[in-house]
Amino acid sequence: MKTYTTFKDIEHDLTRHKLERDIAWEELKLIKTEYKQDLEPLNWISTALKLTGKYSFIAMIRNWLFKK
């Protein structure tokens, strides 16, 4: 545990800890917003359409190259 010699040192550390806590809180709010956006149904649909298009294109190329 740190030993303080003046009230100025105490105030300095309290201010620093408050700022660190505020920064951590803002980071948590940002992460929450990012997760909320990632879990929206439109984002899921968009991702599904991209994957479907990609694999459909690959299947078309494979069928075109390896015709039976």
N, C-alpha and C. Protein backbone atom coordinates (compact mmCIF):
# COMPACT_ATOMS: atom_id res chain seq x y z
N MET A 1 0.84 -1.17 0.00
CA MET A 1 0.00 0.00 0.00
C MET A 1 0.89 1.24 0.00
N LYS A 2 0.47 2.21 -0.76
CA LYS A 2 1.27 3.43 -0.90
C LYS A 2 1.06 4.33 0.32
N THR A 3 2.15 4.92 0.77
CA THR A 3 2.09 5.87 1.89
C THR A 3 2.15 7.28 1.33
N TYR A 4 1.17 8.07 1.70
CA TYR A 4 1.10 9.44 1.21
C TYR A 4 1.70 10.39 2.25
N THR A 5 2.38 11.42 1.73
CA THR A 5 2.99 12.39 2.64
C THR A 5 2.25 13.72 2.63
N THR A 6 1.54 14.01 1.54
CA THR A 6 0.80 15.27 1.46
C THR A 6 -0.58 15.02 0.88
N PHE A 7 -1.45 15.99 1.15
CA PHE A 7 -2.79 15.91 0.57
C PHE A 7 -2.75 16.09 -0.94
N LYS A 8 -1.75 16.80 -1.42
CA LYS A 8 -1.62 17.00 -2.86
C LYS A 8 -1.39 15.66 -3.56
N ASP A 9 -0.58 14.79 -2.96
CA ASP A 9 -0.35 13.46 -3.52
C ASP A 9 -1.65 12.64 -3.56
N ILE A 10 -2.42 12.75 -2.48
CA ILE A 10 -3.70 12.03 -2.42
C ILE A 10 -4.64 12.53 -3.50
N GLU A 11 -4.76 13.84 -3.63
CA GLU A 11 -5.65 14.42 -4.64
C GLU A 11 -5.20 14.03 -6.05
N HIS A 12 -3.88 14.02 -6.26
CA HIS A 12 -3.35 13.64 -7.57
C HIS A 12 -3.73 12.21 -7.91
N ASP A 13 -3.55 11.29 -6.97
CA ASP A 13 -3.89 9.89 -7.22
C ASP A 13 -5.40 9.71 -7.40
N LEU A 14 -6.20 10.41 -6.60
CA LEU A 14 -7.65 10.31 -6.75
C LEU A 14 -8.09 10.80 -8.12
N THR A 15 -7.50 11.89 -8.58
CA THR A 15 -7.83 12.41 -9.91
C THR A 15 -7.44 11.42 -10.99
N ARG A 16 -6.25 10.84 -10.85
CA ARG A 16 -5.79 9.86 -11.84
C ARG A 16 -6.71 8.64 -11.87
N HIS A 17 -7.09 8.14 -10.70
CA HIS A 17 -7.97 6.97 -10.64
C HIS A 17 -9.35 7.28 -11.22
N LYS A 18 -9.84 8.49 -10.97
CA LYS A 18 -11.14 8.88 -11.53
C LYS A 18 -11.06 8.91 -13.06
N LEU A 19 -9.97 9.47 -13.60
CA LEU A 19 -9.81 9.52 -15.05
C LEU A 19 -9.70 8.12 -15.64
N GLU A 20 -8.96 7.23 -14.98
CA GLU A 20 -8.83 5.85 -15.45
C GLU A 20 -10.19 5.16 -15.45
N ARG A 21 -10.98 5.39 -14.40
CA ARG A 21 -12.31 4.80 -14.31
C ARG A 21 -13.21 5.33 -15.42
N ASP A 22 -13.14 6.64 -15.67
CA ASP A 22 -13.95 7.24 -16.73
C ASP A 22 -13.57 6.69 -18.11
N ILE A 23 -12.28 6.52 -18.35
CA ILE A 23 -11.82 5.95 -19.62
C ILE A 23 -12.32 4.52 -19.77
N ALA A 24 -12.22 3.73 -18.71
CA ALA A 24 -12.70 2.34 -18.77
C ALA A 24 -14.20 2.29 -19.02
N TRP A 25 -14.95 3.19 -18.41
CA TRP A 25 -16.40 3.24 -18.61
C TRP A 25 -16.75 3.56 -20.06
N GLU A 26 -16.04 4.54 -20.64
CA GLU A 26 -16.28 4.89 -22.04
C GLU A 26 -15.93 3.74 -22.97
N GLU A 27 -14.87 3.00 -22.66
CA GLU A 27 -14.50 1.84 -23.47
C GLU A 27 -15.59 0.77 -23.40
N LEU A 28 -16.16 0.56 -22.21
CA LEU A 28 -17.25 -0.41 -22.07
C LEU A 28 -18.47 0.01 -22.87
N LYS A 29 -18.79 1.29 -22.85
CA LYS A 29 -19.94 1.77 -23.63
C LYS A 29 -19.70 1.57 -25.12
N LEU A 30 -18.46 1.79 -25.57
CA LEU A 30 -18.13 1.58 -26.98
C LEU A 30 -18.27 0.11 -27.37
N ILE A 31 -17.77 -0.77 -26.52
CA ILE A 31 -17.88 -2.21 -26.79
C ILE A 31 -19.34 -2.64 -26.84
N LYS A 32 -20.15 -2.10 -25.93
CA LYS A 32 -21.58 -2.43 -25.92
C LYS A 32 -22.23 -2.01 -27.24
N THR A 33 -21.89 -0.83 -27.71
CA THR A 33 -22.46 -0.34 -28.97
C THR A 33 -22.01 -1.21 -30.14
N GLU A 34 -20.75 -1.61 -30.15
CA GLU A 34 -20.25 -2.46 -31.23
C GLU A 34 -20.97 -3.81 -31.24
N TYR A 35 -21.14 -4.42 -30.07
CA TYR A 35 -21.85 -5.69 -30.00
C TYR A 35 -23.30 -5.54 -30.43
N LYS A 36 -23.93 -4.45 -30.03
CA LYS A 36 -25.32 -4.22 -30.42
C LYS A 36 -25.43 -4.13 -31.93
N GLN A 37 -24.49 -3.45 -32.58
CA GLN A 37 -24.52 -3.33 -34.04
C GLN A 37 -24.24 -4.67 -34.70
N ASP A 38 -23.32 -5.45 -34.12
CA ASP A 38 -22.99 -6.75 -34.70
C ASP A 38 -24.16 -7.73 -34.63
N LEU A 39 -25.00 -7.59 -33.62
CA LEU A 39 -26.09 -8.54 -33.43
C LEU A 39 -27.39 -8.12 -34.09
N GLU A 40 -27.40 -7.01 -34.81
CA GLU A 40 -28.61 -6.58 -35.50
C GLU A 40 -28.93 -7.55 -36.64
N PRO A 41 -30.21 -7.84 -36.85
CA PRO A 41 -30.59 -8.79 -37.91
C PRO A 41 -30.12 -8.39 -39.30
N LEU A 42 -30.11 -7.10 -39.60
CA LEU A 42 -29.67 -6.68 -40.94
C LEU A 42 -28.22 -7.06 -41.19
N ASN A 43 -27.39 -6.97 -40.18
CA ASN A 43 -25.99 -7.36 -40.34
C ASN A 43 -25.88 -8.86 -40.59
N TRP A 44 -26.72 -9.64 -39.94
CA TRP A 44 -26.70 -11.09 -40.15
C TRP A 44 -27.14 -11.42 -41.57
N ILE A 45 -28.18 -10.74 -42.04
CA ILE A 45 -28.67 -10.99 -43.40
C ILE A 45 -27.61 -10.61 -44.41
N SER A 46 -26.97 -9.48 -44.19
CA SER A 46 -25.92 -9.03 -45.10
C SER A 46 -24.78 -10.05 -45.17
N THR A 47 -24.37 -10.54 -44.01
CA THR A 47 -23.29 -11.53 -43.97
C THR A 47 -23.72 -12.82 -44.67
N ALA A 48 -24.95 -13.24 -44.44
CA ALA A 48 -25.44 -14.47 -45.08
C ALA A 48 -25.49 -14.31 -46.59
N LEU A 49 -25.93 -13.15 -47.07
CA LEU A 49 -25.98 -12.93 -48.52
C LEU A 49 -24.59 -12.92 -49.14
N LYS A 50 -23.64 -12.32 -48.44
CA LYS A 50 -22.27 -12.29 -48.95
C LYS A 50 -21.71 -13.71 -49.06
N LEU A 51 -21.91 -14.51 -48.00
CA LEU A 51 -21.40 -15.88 -48.02
C LEU A 51 -22.09 -16.72 -49.10
N THR A 52 -23.39 -16.55 -49.23
CA THR A 52 -24.13 -17.29 -50.26
C THR A 52 -23.64 -16.94 -51.65
N GLY A 53 -23.45 -15.66 -51.89
CA GLY A 53 -22.94 -15.22 -53.20
C GLY A 53 -21.56 -15.77 -53.47
N LYS A 54 -20.72 -15.75 -52.47
CA LYS A 54 -19.35 -16.23 -52.63
C LYS A 54 -19.33 -17.72 -52.97
N TYR A 55 -20.08 -18.53 -52.21
CA TYR A 55 -20.07 -19.96 -52.45
C TYR A 55 -20.81 -20.33 -53.73
N SER A 56 -21.82 -19.57 -54.08
CA SER A 56 -22.52 -19.82 -55.35
C SER A 56 -21.59 -19.56 -56.53
N PHE A 57 -20.81 -18.51 -56.44
CA PHE A 57 -19.85 -18.19 -57.50
C PHE A 57 -18.81 -19.30 -57.62
N ILE A 58 -18.32 -19.78 -56.50
CA ILE A 58 -17.33 -20.86 -56.51
C ILE A 58 -17.94 -22.12 -57.12
N ALA A 59 -19.20 -22.43 -56.77
CA ALA A 59 -19.87 -23.61 -57.32
C ALA A 59 -20.06 -23.47 -58.82
N MET A 60 -20.41 -22.28 -59.30
CA MET A 60 -20.56 -22.06 -60.74
C MET A 60 -19.25 -22.27 -61.46
N ILE A 61 -18.17 -21.73 -60.93
CA ILE A 61 -16.85 -21.89 -61.55
C ILE A 61 -16.46 -23.37 -61.58
N ARG A 62 -16.70 -24.07 -60.47
CA ARG A 62 -16.34 -25.49 -60.40
C ARG A 62 -17.14 -26.29 -61.42
N ASN A 63 -18.44 -26.00 -61.53
CA ASN A 63 -19.26 -26.70 -62.53
C ASN A 63 -18.81 -26.37 -63.94
N TRP A 64 -18.43 -25.16 -64.19
CA TRP A 64 -17.99 -24.73 -65.51
C TRP A 64 -16.67 -25.41 -65.88
N LEU A 65 -15.74 -25.50 -64.91
CA LEU A 65 -14.44 -26.10 -65.18
C LEU A 65 -14.50 -27.62 -65.27
N PHE A 66 -15.31 -28.24 -64.46
CA PHE A 66 -15.35 -29.70 -64.38
C PHE A 66 -16.69 -30.24 -64.87
N LYS A 67 -17.07 -29.88 -66.08
CA LYS A 67 -18.33 -30.37 -66.64
C LYS A 67 -18.26 -31.87 -66.83
N LYS A 68 -19.36 -32.52 -66.56
CA LYS A 68 -19.40 -33.99 -66.71
C LYS A 68 -19.99 -34.36 -68.04
